[in-house]
Amino acid sequence: MTIAHRLNKRVALQQLVKGKTPSGAPTEVWENVIKTGDSKIWAGKRELTGRQYVAAGGTQNAVQAEWEIRRRAGVVPAMRLVYGADIYDIEAVLEQQDGSLKLMCSKGANKRG
C-alpha cells in the first residue's frame, strides 16, 4: 500500500506559543503549525495500546497511537496532534525510509493540556 493510501485522516499539528498580555501577564496558547488553508495535513492512524487506571479518585483512560504523516521539517516531540476533538501528545518522531514520519503519540490524561 502506498503512503497516499494510508493517509486518510485530516489532522492539525500544534505548538505551544508563549507570550504576554498587554498588561504583561504571561500566556501560553496552542497554535496550528500550518497557517494556510484549513491548517490540516493528511495522516494515517494505528492504535497501539489502550489502558485504564485509577488516578486522583477517578478513572482515567490512556491510549498510545502511531500517526503517520509525510515528512516535513520541524516536527518535534514538544508538539501535539489534533484529530477532531482528540488531542495526542507527540512523544517521539521517527523518520521512515518511504518519505514519511511516524509520530508516536499518547492521548488521555494529557500532560500538555
PDB file of N, CA and C in Angstrom:
ATOM      1  N   MET A   1       0.852  -1.177   0.000  1.00  0.00           N
ATOM      2  CA  MET A   1       0.000   0.000   0.000  1.00  0.00           C
ATOM      3  C   MET A   1       0.897   1.239   0.000  1.00  0.00           C
ATOM      4  N   THR A   2       0.600   2.176  -0.864  1.00  0.00           N
ATOM      5  CA  THR A   2       1.402   3.392  -0.948  1.00  0.00           C
ATOM      6  C   THR A   2       1.096   4.313   0.229  1.00  0.00           C
ATOM      7  N   ILE A   3       1.987   5.246   0.462  1.00  0.00           N
ATOM      8  CA  ILE A   3       1.797   6.186   1.571  1.00  0.00           C
ATOM      9  C   ILE A   3       0.513   6.996   1.394  1.00  0.00           C
ATOM     10  N   ALA A   4       0.181   7.357   0.158  1.00  0.00           N
ATOM     11  CA  ALA A   4      -1.028   8.151  -0.088  1.00  0.00           C
ATOM     12  C   ALA A   4      -2.287   7.397   0.341  1.00  0.00           C
ATOM     13  N   HIS A   5      -2.322   6.080   0.182  1.00  0.00           N
ATOM     14  CA  HIS A   5      -3.493   5.300   0.586  1.00  0.00           C
ATOM     15  C   HIS A   5      -3.607   5.159   2.102  1.00  0.00           C
ATOM     16  N   ARG A   6      -2.483   5.235   2.794  1.00  0.00           N
ATOM     17  CA  ARG A   6      -2.503   5.097   4.258  1.00  0.00           C
ATOM     18  C   ARG A   6      -2.922   6.390   4.948  1.00  0.00           C
ATOM     19  N   LEU A   7      -2.754   7.520   4.293  1.00  0.00           N
ATOM     20  CA  LEU A   7      -3.037   8.819   4.913  1.00  0.00           C
ATOM     21  C   LEU A   7      -4.471   9.237   4.577  1.00  0.00           C
ATOM     22  N   ASN A   8      -5.401   8.895   5.458  1.00  0.00           N
ATOM     23  CA  ASN A   8      -6.815   9.105   5.165  1.00  0.00           C
ATOM     24  C   ASN A   8      -7.562   9.927   6.218  1.00  0.00           C
ATOM     25  N   LYS A   9      -6.825  10.610   7.081  1.00  0.00           N
ATOM     26  CA  LYS A   9      -7.447  11.441   8.113  1.00  0.00           C
ATOM     27  C   LYS A   9      -6.809  12.840   8.069  1.00  0.00           C
ATOM     28  N   ARG A  10      -7.607  13.858   8.391  1.00  0.00           N
ATOM     29  CA  ARG A  10      -7.113  15.238   8.401  1.00  0.00           C
ATOM     30  C   ARG A  10      -6.804  15.637   9.841  1.00  0.00           C
ATOM     31  N   VAL A  11      -5.568  16.064  10.087  1.00  0.00           N
ATOM     32  CA  VAL A  11      -5.134  16.418  11.433  1.00  0.00           C
ATOM     33  C   VAL A  11      -4.427  17.772  11.407  1.00  0.00           C
ATOM     34  N   ALA A  12      -4.330  18.379  12.576  1.00  0.00           N
ATOM     35  CA  ALA A  12      -3.569  19.616  12.732  1.00  0.00           C
ATOM     36  C   ALA A  12      -2.397  19.347  13.666  1.00  0.00           C
ATOM     37  N   LEU A  13      -1.262  19.915  13.351  1.00  0.00           N
ATOM     38  CA  LEU A  13      -0.113  19.915  14.247  1.00  0.00           C
ATOM     39  C   LEU A  13      -0.104  21.251  14.968  1.00  0.00           C
ATOM     40  N   GLN A  14       0.116  21.204  16.282  1.00  0.00           N
ATOM     41  CA  GLN A  14       0.123  22.435  17.064  1.00  0.00           C
ATOM     42  C   GLN A  14       1.392  22.530  17.909  1.00  0.00           C
ATOM     43  N   GLN A  15       1.803  23.779  18.172  1.00  0.00           N
ATOM     44  CA  GLN A  15       2.932  24.037  19.062  1.00  0.00           C
ATOM     45  C   GLN A  15       2.507  25.049  20.104  1.00  0.00           C
ATOM     46  N   LEU A  16       3.121  24.957  21.272  1.00  0.00           N
ATOM     47  CA  LEU A  16       2.818  25.874  22.362  1.00  0.00           C
ATOM     48  C   LEU A  16       3.584  27.167  22.149  1.00  0.00           C
ATOM     49  N   VAL A  17       2.855  28.269  22.131  1.00  0.00           N
ATOM     50  CA  VAL A  17       3.452  29.588  21.925  1.00  0.00           C
ATOM     51  C   VAL A  17       3.274  30.390  23.210  1.00  0.00           C
ATOM     52  N   LYS A  18       4.392  30.870  23.721  1.00  0.00           N
ATOM     53  CA  LYS A  18       4.364  31.671  24.942  1.00  0.00           C
ATOM     54  C   LYS A  18       4.416  33.148  24.581  1.00  0.00           C
ATOM     55  N   GLY A  19       3.682  33.944  25.318  1.00  0.00           N
ATOM     56  CA  GLY A  19       3.652  35.381  25.067  1.00  0.00           C
ATOM     57  C   GLY A  19       3.255  36.132  26.318  1.00  0.00           C
ATOM     58  N   LYS A  20       2.838  37.360  26.121  1.00  0.00           N
ATOM     59  CA  LYS A  20       2.408  38.198  27.244  1.00  0.00           C
ATOM     60  C   LYS A  20       1.180  38.994  26.837  1.00  0.00           C
ATOM     61  N   THR A  21       0.308  39.212  27.781  1.00  0.00           N
ATOM     62  CA  THR A  21      -0.850  40.071  27.564  1.00  0.00           C
ATOM     63  C   THR A  21      -0.375  41.519  27.551  1.00  0.00           C
ATOM     64  N   PRO A  22      -1.219  42.458  27.108  1.00  0.00           N
ATOM     65  CA  PRO A  22      -0.826  43.868  27.137  1.00  0.00           C
ATOM     66  C   PRO A  22      -0.420  44.358  28.534  1.00  0.00           C
ATOM     67  N   SER A  23      -0.965  43.727  29.572  1.00  0.00           N
ATOM     68  CA  SER A  23      -0.603  44.137  30.945  1.00  0.00           C
ATOM     69  C   SER A  23       0.666  43.444  31.437  1.00  0.00           C
ATOM     70  N   GLY A  24       1.237  42.545  30.611  1.00  0.00           N
ATOM     71  CA  GLY A  24       2.488  41.897  30.975  1.00  0.00           C
ATOM     72  C   GLY A  24       2.354  40.517  31.585  1.00  0.00           C
ATOM     73  N   ALA A  25       1.128  40.022  31.744  1.00  0.00           N
ATOM     74  CA  ALA A  25       0.939  38.684  32.304  1.00  0.00           C
ATOM     75  C   ALA A  25       1.328  37.623  31.265  1.00  0.00           C
ATOM     76  N   PRO A  26       2.002  36.561  31.687  1.00  0.00           N
ATOM     77  CA  PRO A  26       2.405  35.527  30.732  1.00  0.00           C
ATOM     78  C   PRO A  26       1.207  34.719  30.212  1.00  0.00           C
ATOM     79  N   THR A  27       1.292  34.330  28.950  1.00  0.00           N
ATOM     80  CA  THR A  27       0.250  33.495  28.346  1.00  0.00           C
ATOM     81  C   THR A  27       0.890  32.313  27.640  1.00  0.00           C
ATOM     82  N   GLU A  28       0.141  31.236  27.512  1.00  0.00           N
ATOM     83  CA  GLU A  28       0.539  30.063  26.734  1.00  0.00           C
ATOM     84  C   GLU A  28      -0.665  29.638  25.911  1.00  0.00           C
ATOM     85  N   VAL A  29      -0.480  29.560  24.590  1.00  0.00           N
ATOM     86  CA  VAL A  29      -1.569  29.223  23.679  1.00  0.00           C
ATOM     87  C   VAL A  29      -1.065  28.196  22.676  1.00  0.00           C
ATOM     88  N   TRP A  30      -1.875  27.170  22.405  1.00  0.00           N
ATOM     89  CA  TRP A  30      -1.542  26.199  21.358  1.00  0.00           C
ATOM     90  C   TRP A  30      -1.970  26.789  20.021  1.00  0.00           C
ATOM     91  N   GLU A  31      -1.034  26.863  19.071  1.00  0.00           N
ATOM     92  CA  GLU A  31      -1.326  27.391  17.740  1.00  0.00           C
ATOM     93  C   GLU A  31      -1.003  26.354  16.676  1.00  0.00           C
ATOM     94  N   ASN A  32      -1.775  26.383  15.596  1.00  0.00           N
ATOM     95  CA  ASN A  32      -1.514  25.487  14.475  1.00  0.00           C
ATOM     96  C   ASN A  32      -0.171  25.836  13.844  1.00  0.00           C
ATOM     97  N   VAL A  33       0.598  24.813  13.526  1.00  0.00           N
ATOM     98  CA  VAL A  33       1.899  24.998  12.882  1.00  0.00           C
ATOM     99  C   VAL A  33       1.710  25.468  11.451  1.00  0.00           C
ATOM    100  N   ILE A  34       0.728  24.897  10.764  1.00  0.00           N
ATOM    101  CA  ILE A  34       0.449  25.255   9.374  1.00  0.00           C
ATOM    102  C   ILE A  34      -0.560  26.395   9.388  1.00  0.00           C
ATOM    103  N   LYS A  35      -0.209  27.491   8.770  1.00  0.00           N
ATOM    104  CA  LYS A  35      -1.040  28.702   8.830  1.00  0.00           C
ATOM    105  C   LYS A  35      -1.902  28.914   7.592  1.00  0.00           C
ATOM    106  N   THR A  36      -1.790  28.059   6.575  1.00  0.00           N
ATOM    107  CA  THR A  36      -2.536  28.259   5.334  1.00  0.00           C
ATOM    108  C   THR A  36      -3.691  27.271   5.220  1.00  0.00           C
ATOM    109  N   GLY A  37      -4.639  27.582   4.361  1.00  0.00           N
ATOM    110  CA  GLY A  37      -5.778  26.690   4.114  1.00  0.00           C
ATOM    111  C   GLY A  37      -6.534  26.391   5.387  1.00  0.00           C
ATOM    112  N   ASP A  38      -6.880  25.106   5.582  1.00  0.00           N
ATOM    113  CA  ASP A  38      -7.603  24.709   6.791  1.00  0.00           C
ATOM    114  C   ASP A  38      -6.655  24.305   7.920  1.00  0.00           C
ATOM    115  N   SER A  39      -5.351  24.537   7.744  1.00  0.00           N
ATOM    116  CA  SER A  39      -4.311  24.263   8.738  1.00  0.00           C
ATOM    117  C   SER A  39      -4.100  22.781   9.001  1.00  0.00           C
ATOM    118  N   LYS A  40      -4.605  21.924   8.114  1.00  0.00           N
ATOM    119  CA  LYS A  40      -4.532  20.481   8.355  1.00  0.00           C
ATOM    120  C   LYS A  40      -3.700  19.774   7.298  1.00  0.00           C
ATOM    121  N   ILE A  41      -3.206  18.594   7.694  1.00  0.00           N
ATOM    122  CA  ILE A  41      -2.453  17.734   6.788  1.00  0.00           C
ATOM    123  C   ILE A  41      -3.069  16.339   6.814  1.00  0.00           C
ATOM    124  N   TRP A  42      -2.716  15.531   5.832  1.00  0.00           N
ATOM    125  CA  TRP A  42      -3.203  14.156   5.776  1.00  0.00           C
ATOM    126  C   TRP A  42      -2.346  13.272   6.670  1.00  0.00           C
ATOM    127  N   ALA A  43      -2.995  12.339   7.383  1.00  0.00           N
ATOM    128  CA  ALA A  43      -2.296  11.438   8.293  1.00  0.00           C
ATOM    129  C   ALA A  43      -3.005  10.085   8.332  1.00  0.00           C
ATOM    130  N   GLY A  44      -2.272   9.079   8.749  1.00  0.00           N
ATOM    131  CA  GLY A  44      -2.828   7.752   8.984  1.00  0.00           C
ATOM    132  C   GLY A  44      -2.634   7.393  10.444  1.00  0.00           C
ATOM    133  N   LYS A  45      -3.529   6.575  10.993  1.00  0.00           N
ATOM    134  CA  LYS A  45      -3.503   6.269  12.424  1.00  0.00           C
ATOM    135  C   LYS A  45      -3.526   4.767  12.656  1.00  0.00           C
ATOM    136  N   ARG A  46      -2.771   4.343  13.678  1.00  0.00           N
ATOM    137  CA  ARG A  46      -2.812   2.956  14.122  1.00  0.00           C
ATOM    138  C   ARG A  46      -2.784   2.961  15.646  1.00  0.00           C
ATOM    139  N   GLU A  47      -3.830   2.409  16.257  1.00  0.00           N
ATOM    140  CA  GLU A  47      -3.877   2.307  17.719  1.00  0.00           C
ATOM    141  C   GLU A  47      -2.897   1.235  18.159  1.00  0.00           C
ATOM    142  N   LEU A  48      -2.091   1.538  19.169  1.00  0.00           N
ATOM    143  CA  LEU A  48      -1.120   0.575  19.664  1.00  0.00           C
ATOM    144  C   LEU A  48      -1.594  -0.097  20.944  1.00  0.00           C
ATOM    145  N   THR A  49      -1.955   0.685  21.947  1.00  0.00           N
ATOM    146  CA  THR A  49      -2.442   0.121  23.204  1.00  0.00           C
ATOM    147  C   THR A  49      -3.476   1.052  23.804  1.00  0.00           C
ATOM    148  N   GLY A  50      -4.250   0.505  24.698  1.00  0.00           N
ATOM    149  CA  GLY A  50      -5.178   1.297  25.489  1.00  0.00           C
ATOM    150  C   GLY A  50      -5.135   0.769  26.908  1.00  0.00           C
ATOM    151  N   ARG A  51      -5.250   1.648  27.869  1.00  0.00           N
ATOM    152  CA  ARG A  51      -5.252   1.196  29.257  1.00  0.00           C
ATOM    153  C   ARG A  51      -6.157   2.084  30.074  1.00  0.00           C
ATOM    154  N   GLN A  52      -6.597   1.547  31.173  1.00  0.00           N
ATOM    155  CA  GLN A  52      -7.457   2.284  32.076  1.00  0.00           C
ATOM    156  C   GLN A  52      -6.842   2.175  33.458  1.00  0.00           C
ATOM    157  N   TYR A  53      -6.812   3.272  34.188  1.00  0.00           N
ATOM    158  CA  TYR A  53      -6.229   3.253  35.517  1.00  0.00           C
ATOM    159  C   TYR A  53      -6.961   4.241  36.411  1.00  0.00           C
ATOM    160  N   VAL A  54      -6.743   4.105  37.697  1.00  0.00           N
ATOM    161  CA  VAL A  54      -7.377   4.986  38.668  1.00  0.00           C
ATOM    162  C   VAL A  54      -6.355   6.014  39.115  1.00  0.00           C
ATOM    163  N   ALA A  55      -6.726   7.277  39.010  1.00  0.00           N
ATOM    164  CA  ALA A  55      -5.840   8.364  39.430  1.00  0.00           C
ATOM    165  C   ALA A  55      -6.671   9.464  40.054  1.00  0.00           C
ATOM    166  N   ALA A  56      -6.220   9.952  41.179  1.00  0.00           N
ATOM    167  CA  ALA A  56      -6.868  11.068  41.882  1.00  0.00           C
ATOM    168  C   ALA A  56      -8.355  10.807  42.115  1.00  0.00           C
ATOM    169  N   GLY A  57      -8.690   9.584  42.497  1.00  0.00           N
ATOM    170  CA  GLY A  57     -10.055   9.263  42.846  1.00  0.00           C
ATOM    171  C   GLY A  57     -10.991   9.048  41.672  1.00  0.00           C
ATOM    172  N   GLY A  58     -10.482   9.047  40.443  1.00  0.00           N
ATOM    173  CA  GLY A  58     -11.327   8.838  39.274  1.00  0.00           C
ATOM    174  C   GLY A  58     -10.645   7.911  38.289  1.00  0.00           C
ATOM    175  N   THR A  59     -11.406   7.439  37.337  1.00  0.00           N
ATOM    176  CA  THR A  59     -10.859   6.554  36.325  1.00  0.00           C
ATOM    177  C   THR A  59     -10.327   7.374  35.166  1.00  0.00           C
ATOM    178  N   GLN A  60      -9.136   7.061  34.709  1.00  0.00           N
ATOM    179  CA  GLN A  60      -8.502   7.723  33.575  1.00  0.00           C
ATOM    180  C   GLN A  60      -8.307   6.701  32.457  1.00  0.00           C
ATOM    181  N   ASN A  61      -8.397   7.145  31.236  1.00  0.00           N
ATOM    182  CA  ASN A  61      -8.110   6.291  30.088  1.00  0.00           C
ATOM    183  C   ASN A  61      -6.892   6.862  29.370  1.00  0.00           C
ATOM    184  N   ALA A  62      -6.042   5.971  28.878  1.00  0.00           N
ATOM    185  CA  ALA A  62      -4.870   6.403  28.120  1.00  0.00           C
ATOM    186  C   ALA A  62      -4.744   5.517  26.891  1.00  0.00           C
ATOM    187  N   VAL A  63      -4.403   6.117  25.769  1.00  0.00           N
ATOM    188  CA  VAL A  63      -4.250   5.405  24.509  1.00  0.00           C
ATOM    189  C   VAL A  63      -2.903   5.788  23.924  1.00  0.00           C
ATOM    190  N   GLN A  64      -2.201   4.794  23.406  1.00  0.00           N
ATOM    191  CA  GLN A  64      -0.983   5.063  22.660  1.00  0.00           C
ATOM    192  C   GLN A  64      -1.276   4.752  21.205  1.00  0.00           C
ATOM    193  N   ALA A  65      -0.884   5.667  20.335  1.00  0.00           N
ATOM    194  CA  ALA A  65      -1.176   5.520  18.909  1.00  0.00           C
ATOM    195  C   ALA A  65       0.039   5.936  18.094  1.00  0.00           C
ATOM    196  N   GLU A  66       0.090   5.396  16.901  1.00  0.00           N
ATOM    197  CA  GLU A  66       1.134   5.756  15.943  1.00  0.00           C
ATOM    198  C   GLU A  66       0.449   6.485  14.803  1.00  0.00           C
ATOM    199  N   TRP A  67       0.866   7.717  14.559  1.00  0.00           N
ATOM    200  CA  TRP A  67       0.347   8.511  13.452  1.00  0.00           C
ATOM    201  C   TRP A  67       1.429   8.612  12.391  1.00  0.00           C
ATOM    202  N   GLU A  68       1.050   8.558  11.147  1.00  0.00           N
ATOM    203  CA  GLU A  68       1.990   8.671  10.042  1.00  0.00           C
ATOM    204  C   GLU A  68       1.631   9.887   9.210  1.00  0.00           C
ATOM    205  N   ILE A  69       2.637  10.705   8.899  1.00  0.00           N
ATOM    206  CA  ILE A  69       2.453  11.871   8.039  1.00  0.00           C
ATOM    207  C   ILE A  69       3.584  11.893   7.017  1.00  0.00           C
ATOM    208  N   ARG A  70       3.398  12.680   5.958  1.00  0.00           N
ATOM    209  CA  ARG A  70       4.510  12.883   5.027  1.00  0.00           C
ATOM    210  C   ARG A  70       5.621  13.638   5.753  1.00  0.00           C
ATOM    211  N   ARG A  71       6.846  13.344   5.370  1.00  0.00           N
ATOM    212  CA  ARG A  71       7.992  14.002   6.004  1.00  0.00           C
ATOM    213  C   ARG A  71       7.890  15.509   5.834  1.00  0.00           C
ATOM    214  N   ARG A  72       8.124  16.218   6.926  1.00  0.00           N
ATOM    215  CA  ARG A  72       8.161  17.675   6.911  1.00  0.00           C
ATOM    216  C   ARG A  72       9.137  18.121   7.987  1.00  0.00           C
ATOM    217  N   ALA A  73       9.831  19.180   7.709  1.00  0.00           N
ATOM    218  CA  ALA A  73      10.837  19.697   8.643  1.00  0.00           C
ATOM    219  C   ALA A  73      10.166  20.316   9.864  1.00  0.00           C
ATOM    220  N   GLY A  74      10.854  20.228  10.996  1.00  0.00           N
ATOM    221  CA  GLY A  74      10.426  20.951  12.177  1.00  0.00           C
ATOM    222  C   GLY A  74       9.445  20.249  13.093  1.00  0.00           C
ATOM    223  N   VAL A  75       9.052  19.016  12.811  1.00  0.00           N
ATOM    224  CA  VAL A  75       8.129  18.303  13.697  1.00  0.00           C
ATOM    225  C   VAL A  75       8.936  17.739  14.865  1.00  0.00           C
ATOM    226  N   VAL A  76       8.553  18.110  16.087  1.00  0.00           N
ATOM    227  CA  VAL A  76       9.294  17.720  17.289  1.00  0.00           C
ATOM    228  C   VAL A  76       8.331  17.216  18.371  1.00  0.00           C
ATOM    229  N   PRO A  77       8.857  16.446  19.336  1.00  0.00           N
ATOM    230  CA  PRO A  77       8.000  15.909  20.399  1.00  0.00           C
ATOM    231  C   PRO A  77       7.293  16.945  21.262  1.00  0.00           C
ATOM    232  N   ALA A  78       7.733  18.184  21.287  1.00  0.00           N
ATOM    233  CA  ALA A  78       7.054  19.211  22.090  1.00  0.00           C
ATOM    234  C   ALA A  78       5.708  19.605  21.482  1.00  0.00           C
ATOM    235  N   MET A  79       5.428  19.159  20.260  1.00  0.00           N
ATOM    236  CA  MET A  79       4.167  19.494  19.581  1.00  0.00           C
ATOM    237  C   MET A  79       3.073  18.508  19.969  1.00  0.00           C
ATOM    238  N   ARG A  80       1.884  18.799  19.486  1.00  0.00           N
ATOM    239  CA  ARG A  80       0.771  17.864  19.649  1.00  0.00           C
ATOM    240  C   ARG A  80       0.018  17.749  18.339  1.00  0.00           C
ATOM    241  N   LEU A  81      -0.758  16.692  18.221  1.00  0.00           N
ATOM    242  CA  LEU A  81      -1.543  16.411  17.024  1.00  0.00           C
ATOM    243  C   LEU A  81      -3.015  16.442  17.425  1.00  0.00           C
ATOM    244  N   VAL A  82      -3.840  17.135  16.644  1.00  0.00           N
ATOM    245  CA  VAL A  82      -5.262  17.244  16.948  1.00  0.00           C
ATOM    246  C   VAL A  82      -6.058  16.600  15.820  1.00  0.00           C
ATOM    247  N   TYR A  83      -6.919  15.645  16.196  1.00  0.00           N
ATOM    248  CA  TYR A  83      -7.800  14.960  15.250  1.00  0.00           C
ATOM    249  C   TYR A  83      -9.220  15.083  15.780  1.00  0.00           C
ATOM    250  N   GLY A  84     -10.007  15.951  15.173  1.00  0.00           N
ATOM    251  CA  GLY A  84     -11.352  16.218  15.689  1.00  0.00           C
ATOM    252  C   GLY A  84     -11.235  16.820  17.086  1.00  0.00           C
ATOM    253  N   ALA A  85     -11.912  16.200  18.065  1.00  0.00           N
ATOM    254  CA  ALA A  85     -11.840  16.661  19.448  1.00  0.00           C
ATOM    255  C   ALA A  85     -10.724  15.962  20.223  1.00  0.00           C
ATOM    256  N   ASP A  86     -10.015  15.024  19.592  1.00  0.00           N
ATOM    257  CA  ASP A  86      -8.971  14.264  20.266  1.00  0.00           C
ATOM    258  C   ASP A  86      -7.623  14.966  20.156  1.00  0.00           C
ATOM    259  N   ILE A  87      -6.922  15.032  21.277  1.00  0.00           N
ATOM    260  CA  ILE A  87      -5.602  15.654  21.332  1.00  0.00           C
ATOM    261  C   ILE A  87      -4.585  14.589  21.706  1.00  0.00           C
ATOM    262  N   TYR A  88      -3.553  14.460  20.873  1.00  0.00           N
ATOM    263  CA  TYR A  88      -2.485  13.490  21.094  1.00  0.00           C
ATOM    264  C   TYR A  88      -1.183  14.223  21.363  1.00  0.00           C
ATOM    265  N   ASP A  89      -0.509  13.889  22.461  1.00  0.00           N
ATOM    266  CA  ASP A  89       0.821  14.414  22.743  1.00  0.00           C
ATOM    267  C   ASP A  89       1.823  13.627  21.912  1.00  0.00           C
ATOM    268  N   ILE A  90       2.698  14.296  21.194  1.00  0.00           N
ATOM    269  CA  ILE A  90       3.721  13.618  20.402  1.00  0.00           C
ATOM    270  C   ILE A  90       4.879  13.286  21.345  1.00  0.00           C
ATOM    271  N   GLU A  91       5.159  11.988  21.489  1.00  0.00           N
ATOM    272  CA  GLU A  91       6.218  11.519  22.383  1.00  0.00           C
ATOM    273  C   GLU A  91       7.540  11.328  21.643  1.00  0.00           C
ATOM    274  N   ALA A  92       7.480  10.912  20.366  1.00  0.00           N
ATOM    275  CA  ALA A  92       8.690  10.682  19.571  1.00  0.00           C
ATOM    276  C   ALA A  92       8.360  10.866  18.102  1.00  0.00           C
ATOM    277  N   VAL A  93       9.365  11.295  17.319  1.00  0.00           N
ATOM    278  CA  VAL A  93       9.229  11.480  15.875  1.00  0.00           C
ATOM    279  C   VAL A  93      10.274  10.587  15.209  1.00  0.00           C
ATOM    280  N   LEU A  94       9.811   9.624  14.387  1.00  0.00           N
ATOM    281  CA  LEU A  94      10.701   8.659  13.752  1.00  0.00           C
ATOM    282  C   LEU A  94      10.647   8.810  12.238  1.00  0.00           C
ATOM    283  N   GLU A  95      11.799   9.064  11.617  1.00  0.00           N
ATOM    284  CA  GLU A  95      11.858   9.179  10.161  1.00  0.00           C
ATOM    285  C   GLU A  95      11.838   7.790   9.539  1.00  0.00           C
ATOM    286  N   GLN A  96      11.066   7.639   8.455  1.00  0.00           N
ATOM    287  CA  GLN A  96      10.941   6.362   7.754  1.00  0.00           C
ATOM    288  C   GLN A  96      11.602   6.469   6.385  1.00  0.00           C
ATOM    289  N   GLN A  97      11.974   5.329   5.812  1.00  0.00           N
ATOM    290  CA  GLN A  97      12.655   5.316   4.517  1.00  0.00           C
ATOM    291  C   GLN A  97      11.737   5.665   3.359  1.00  0.00           C
ATOM    292  N   ASP A  98      10.433   5.551   3.546  1.00  0.00           N
ATOM    293  CA  ASP A  98       9.497   5.814   2.440  1.00  0.00           C
ATOM    294  C   ASP A  98       9.084   7.280   2.324  1.00  0.00           C
ATOM    295  N   GLY A  99       9.763   8.177   3.026  1.00  0.00           N
ATOM    296  CA  GLY A  99       9.430   9.598   2.938  1.00  0.00           C
ATOM    297  C   GLY A  99       8.358  10.027   3.920  1.00  0.00           C
ATOM    298  N   SER A 100       8.132   9.252   4.964  1.00  0.00           N
ATOM    299  CA  SER A 100       7.119   9.600   5.947  1.00  0.00           C
ATOM    300  C   SER A 100       7.761   9.761   7.325  1.00  0.00           C
ATOM    301  N   LEU A 101       6.975  10.312   8.244  1.00  0.00           N
ATOM    302  CA  LEU A 101       7.348  10.391   9.650  1.00  0.00           C
ATOM    303  C   LEU A 101       6.335   9.587  10.442  1.00  0.00           C
ATOM    304  N   LYS A 102       6.793   8.818  11.404  1.00  0.00           N
ATOM    305  CA  LYS A 102       5.903   8.151  12.353  1.00  0.00           C
ATOM    306  C   LYS A 102       5.952   8.953  13.635  1.00  0.00           C
ATOM    307  N   LEU A 103       4.780   9.356  14.094  1.00  0.00           N
ATOM    308  CA  LEU A 103       4.653  10.126  15.328  1.00  0.00           C
ATOM    309  C   LEU A 103       4.098   9.196  16.395  1.00  0.00           C
ATOM    310  N   MET A 104       4.909   8.889  17.386  1.00  0.00           N
ATOM    311  CA  MET A 104       4.476   8.047  18.485  1.00  0.00           C
ATOM    312  C   MET A 104       3.787   8.961  19.500  1.00  0.00           C
ATOM    313  N   CYS A 105       2.504   8.712  19.733  1.00  0.00           N
ATOM    314  CA  CYS A 105       1.673   9.654  20.497  1.00  0.00           C
ATOM    315  C   CYS A 105       0.940   8.980  21.650  1.00  0.00           C
ATOM    316  N   SER A 106       0.535   9.800  22.611  1.00  0.00           N
ATOM    317  CA  SER A 106      -0.330   9.336  23.692  1.00  0.00           C
ATOM    318  C   SER A 106      -1.509  10.290  23.814  1.00  0.00           C
ATOM    319  N   LYS A 107      -2.634   9.719  24.227  1.00  0.00           N
ATOM    320  CA  LYS A 107      -3.864  10.512  24.384  1.00  0.00           C
ATOM    321  C   LYS A 107      -4.513  10.094  25.692  1.00  0.00           C
ATOM    322  N   GLY A 108      -5.083  11.042  26.398  1.00  0.00           N
ATOM    323  CA  GLY A 108      -5.755  10.743  27.648  1.00  0.00           C
ATOM    324  C   GLY A 108      -4.895  11.191  28.802  1.00  0.00           C
ATOM    325  N   ALA A 109      -5.465  11.864  29.757  1.00  0.00           N
ATOM    326  CA  ALA A 109      -4.714  12.418  30.877  1.00  0.00           C
ATOM    327  C   ALA A 109      -3.527  13.209  30.344  1.00  0.00           C
ATOM    328  N   ASN A 110      -3.811  14.062  29.346  1.00  0.00           N
ATOM    329  CA  ASN A 110      -2.753  14.803  28.662  1.00  0.00           C
ATOM    330  C   ASN A 110      -1.932  15.643  29.629  1.00  0.00           C
ATOM    331  N   LYS A 111      -0.621  15.537  29.462  1.00  0.00           N
ATOM    332  CA  LYS A 111       0.298  16.290  30.293  1.00  0.00           C
ATOM    333  C   LYS A 111       0.402  17.734  29.839  1.00  0.00           C
ATOM    334  N   ARG A 112       0.108  17.987  28.568  1.00  0.00           N
ATOM    335  CA  ARG A 112       0.356  19.312  27.999  1.00  0.00           C
ATOM    336  C   ARG A 112      -0.909  20.138  27.812  1.00  0.00           C
ATOM    337  N   GLY A 113      -2.029  19.646  28.257  1.00  0.00           N
ATOM    338  CA  GLY A 113      -3.249  20.436  28.195  1.00  0.00           C
ATOM    339  C   GLY A 113      -3.816  20.523  26.865  1.00  0.00           C
TER     340      GLY A 113
END
